[in-house]
């Protein structure tokens, strides 16, 4: 679950993941998805948006992202930075 949310963060860092997208990525049914997201929310690893009591959107917190993958996974640099990395180190 956190892996799917981490991948979504890497691709769309400013957007929440819809319930349908998460089900497509994980293959979980509605009940299992709700249980897993509720558990992760209780641990502070995800933020949830509910509409009329139903979880509609989810997003990994920074703690959840750290638990899913190392920080380097989320860093994206354009090609020109890679080409000039020796001249202008940023890390």
C-alpha atoms as a PDB file:
ATOM      1  CA  UNK A   1       0.000   0.000   0.000  1.00  0.00           C
ATOM      2  CA  UNK A   2       2.741   2.462   0.962  1.00  0.00           C
ATOM      3  CA  UNK A   3       4.704   1.434  -2.138  1.00  0.00           C
ATOM      4  CA  UNK A   4       1.767   2.406  -4.371  1.00  0.00           C
ATOM      5  CA  UNK A   5       1.378   5.723  -2.554  1.00  0.00           C
ATOM      6  CA  UNK A   6       5.135   6.348  -2.795  1.00  0.00           C
ATOM      7  CA  UNK A   7       5.100   5.762  -6.550  1.00  0.00           C
ATOM      8  CA  UNK A   8       2.137   8.112  -6.892  1.00  0.00           C
ATOM      9  CA  UNK A   9       3.990  10.767  -4.871  1.00  0.00           C
ATOM     10  CA  UNK A  10       7.002  10.434  -7.138  1.00  0.00           C
ATOM     11  CA  UNK A  11       4.839  10.976 -10.235  1.00  0.00           C
ATOM     12  CA  UNK A  12       2.305  13.454  -8.754  1.00  0.00           C
ATOM     13  CA  UNK A  13       3.759  14.991  -5.577  1.00  0.00           C
ATOM     14  CA  UNK A  14       0.998  17.574  -5.193  1.00  0.00           C
ATOM     15  CA  UNK A  15      -2.014  15.311  -5.760  1.00  0.00           C
ATOM     16  CA  UNK A  16      -3.923  12.818  -3.662  1.00  0.00           C
ATOM     17  CA  UNK A  17      -4.512   9.315  -4.997  1.00  0.00           C
ATOM     18  CA  UNK A  18      -8.125   8.328  -5.636  1.00  0.00           C
ATOM     19  CA  UNK A  19      -9.668   5.205  -4.202  1.00  0.00           C
ATOM     20  CA  UNK A  20     -10.042   3.731  -7.680  1.00  0.00           C
ATOM     21  CA  UNK A  21      -6.382   4.366  -8.566  1.00  0.00           C
ATOM     22  CA  UNK A  22      -5.255   2.732  -5.349  1.00  0.00           C
ATOM     23  CA  UNK A  23      -7.474  -0.294  -5.924  1.00  0.00           C
ATOM     24  CA  UNK A  24      -6.135  -0.623  -9.464  1.00  0.00           C
ATOM     25  CA  UNK A  25      -2.533  -0.530  -8.234  1.00  0.00           C
ATOM     26  CA  UNK A  26      -2.990  -2.867  -5.261  1.00  0.00           C
ATOM     27  CA  UNK A  27      -5.829  -5.147  -6.384  1.00  0.00           C
ATOM     28  CA  UNK A  28      -7.569  -4.832  -2.994  1.00  0.00           C
ATOM     29  CA  UNK A  29     -11.335  -4.985  -2.541  1.00  0.00           C
ATOM     30  CA  UNK A  30     -13.244  -2.149  -0.827  1.00  0.00           C
ATOM     31  CA  UNK A  31     -13.288  -3.663   2.665  1.00  0.00           C
ATOM     32  CA  UNK A  32      -9.602  -4.627   2.704  1.00  0.00           C
ATOM     33  CA  UNK A  33      -8.632  -1.234   1.289  1.00  0.00           C
ATOM     34  CA  UNK A  34     -10.571   0.583   4.024  1.00  0.00           C
ATOM     35  CA  UNK A  35      -8.995  -1.561   6.738  1.00  0.00           C
ATOM     36  CA  UNK A  36      -5.467  -1.039   5.401  1.00  0.00           C
ATOM     37  CA  UNK A  37      -5.883   2.718   4.968  1.00  0.00           C
ATOM     38  CA  UNK A  38      -7.459   3.057   8.423  1.00  0.00           C
ATOM     39  CA  UNK A  39      -4.560   1.169   9.979  1.00  0.00           C
ATOM     40  CA  UNK A  40      -1.988   3.334   8.160  1.00  0.00           C
ATOM     41  CA  UNK A  41      -3.857   6.493   9.156  1.00  0.00           C
ATOM     42  CA  UNK A  42      -3.752   5.379  12.796  1.00  0.00           C
ATOM     43  CA  UNK A  43       0.026   4.976  12.516  1.00  0.00           C
ATOM     44  CA  UNK A  44       0.345   8.478  10.986  1.00  0.00           C
ATOM     45  CA  UNK A  45       1.627   7.128   7.673  1.00  0.00           C
ATOM     46  CA  UNK A  46      -1.219   8.382   5.433  1.00  0.00           C
ATOM     47  CA  UNK A  47      -3.690  11.260   5.295  1.00  0.00           C
ATOM     48  CA  UNK A  48      -7.216  10.459   4.168  1.00  0.00           C
ATOM     49  CA  UNK A  49     -10.045  12.537   2.753  1.00  0.00           C
ATOM     50  CA  UNK A  50     -13.505  11.169   3.452  1.00  0.00           C
ATOM     51  CA  UNK A  51     -16.713  12.118   1.733  1.00  0.00           C
ATOM     52  CA  UNK A  52     -19.873  11.089   3.618  1.00  0.00           C
ATOM     53  CA  UNK A  53     -17.854   8.620   5.652  1.00  0.00           C
ATOM     54  CA  UNK A  54     -16.261   6.899   2.656  1.00  0.00           C
ATOM     55  CA  UNK A  55     -12.529   7.207   2.020  1.00  0.00           C
ATOM     56  CA  UNK A  56     -12.189   8.927  -1.350  1.00  0.00           C
ATOM     57  CA  UNK A  57      -8.586  10.202  -1.451  1.00  0.00           C
ATOM     58  CA  UNK A  58      -5.320   9.206   0.209  1.00  0.00           C
ATOM     59  CA  UNK A  59      -1.791  10.544   0.403  1.00  0.00           C
ATOM     60  CA  UNK A  60       1.295   9.230   2.160  1.00  0.00           C
ATOM     61  CA  UNK A  61       2.675  11.492   4.884  1.00  0.00           C
ATOM     62  CA  UNK A  62       6.393  12.243   4.948  1.00  0.00           C
ATOM     63  CA  UNK A  63       6.779   9.515   7.569  1.00  0.00           C
ATOM     64  CA  UNK A  64       4.978   7.089   5.274  1.00  0.00           C
ATOM     65  CA  UNK A  65       7.186   8.081   2.351  1.00  0.00           C
ATOM     66  CA  UNK A  66      10.326   7.541   4.450  1.00  0.00           C
ATOM     67  CA  UNK A  67       9.086   4.109   5.475  1.00  0.00           C
ATOM     68  CA  UNK A  68       8.274   3.087   1.883  1.00  0.00           C
ATOM     69  CA  UNK A  69      11.458   4.148   0.057  1.00  0.00           C
ATOM     70  CA  UNK A  70      14.760   5.974   0.685  1.00  0.00           C
ATOM     71  CA  UNK A  71      14.840   9.714   0.041  1.00  0.00           C
ATOM     72  CA  UNK A  72      16.897   9.302  -3.140  1.00  0.00           C
ATOM     73  CA  UNK A  73      13.963   7.490  -4.750  1.00  0.00           C
ATOM     74  CA  UNK A  74      11.911  10.696  -4.772  1.00  0.00           C
ATOM     75  CA  UNK A  75      14.602  12.957  -6.243  1.00  0.00           C
ATOM     76  CA  UNK A  76      14.151  13.741  -9.897  1.00  0.00           C
ATOM     77  CA  UNK A  77      16.697  15.785 -11.783  1.00  0.00           C
ATOM     78  CA  UNK A  78      16.505  16.895 -15.405  1.00  0.00           C
ATOM     79  CA  UNK A  79      19.032  15.515 -17.885  1.00  0.00           C
ATOM     80  CA  UNK A  80      21.018  18.768 -18.040  1.00  0.00           C
ATOM     81  CA  UNK A  81      21.744  18.487 -14.319  1.00  0.00           C
ATOM     82  CA  UNK A  82      23.038  14.946 -14.767  1.00  0.00           C
ATOM     83  CA  UNK A  83      25.264  16.066 -17.637  1.00  0.00           C
ATOM     84  CA  UNK A  84      26.761  18.935 -15.604  1.00  0.00           C
ATOM     85  CA  UNK A  85      26.885  17.230 -12.231  1.00  0.00           C
ATOM     86  CA  UNK A  86      30.699  17.337 -12.015  1.00  0.00           C
ATOM     87  CA  UNK A  87      30.806  21.045 -12.780  1.00  0.00           C
ATOM     88  CA  UNK A  88      27.974  22.045 -10.458  1.00  0.00           C
ATOM     89  CA  UNK A  89      27.490  19.512  -7.661  1.00  0.00           C
ATOM     90  CA  UNK A  90      24.207  19.917  -5.802  1.00  0.00           C
ATOM     91  CA  UNK A  91      24.462  16.953  -3.430  1.00  0.00           C
END
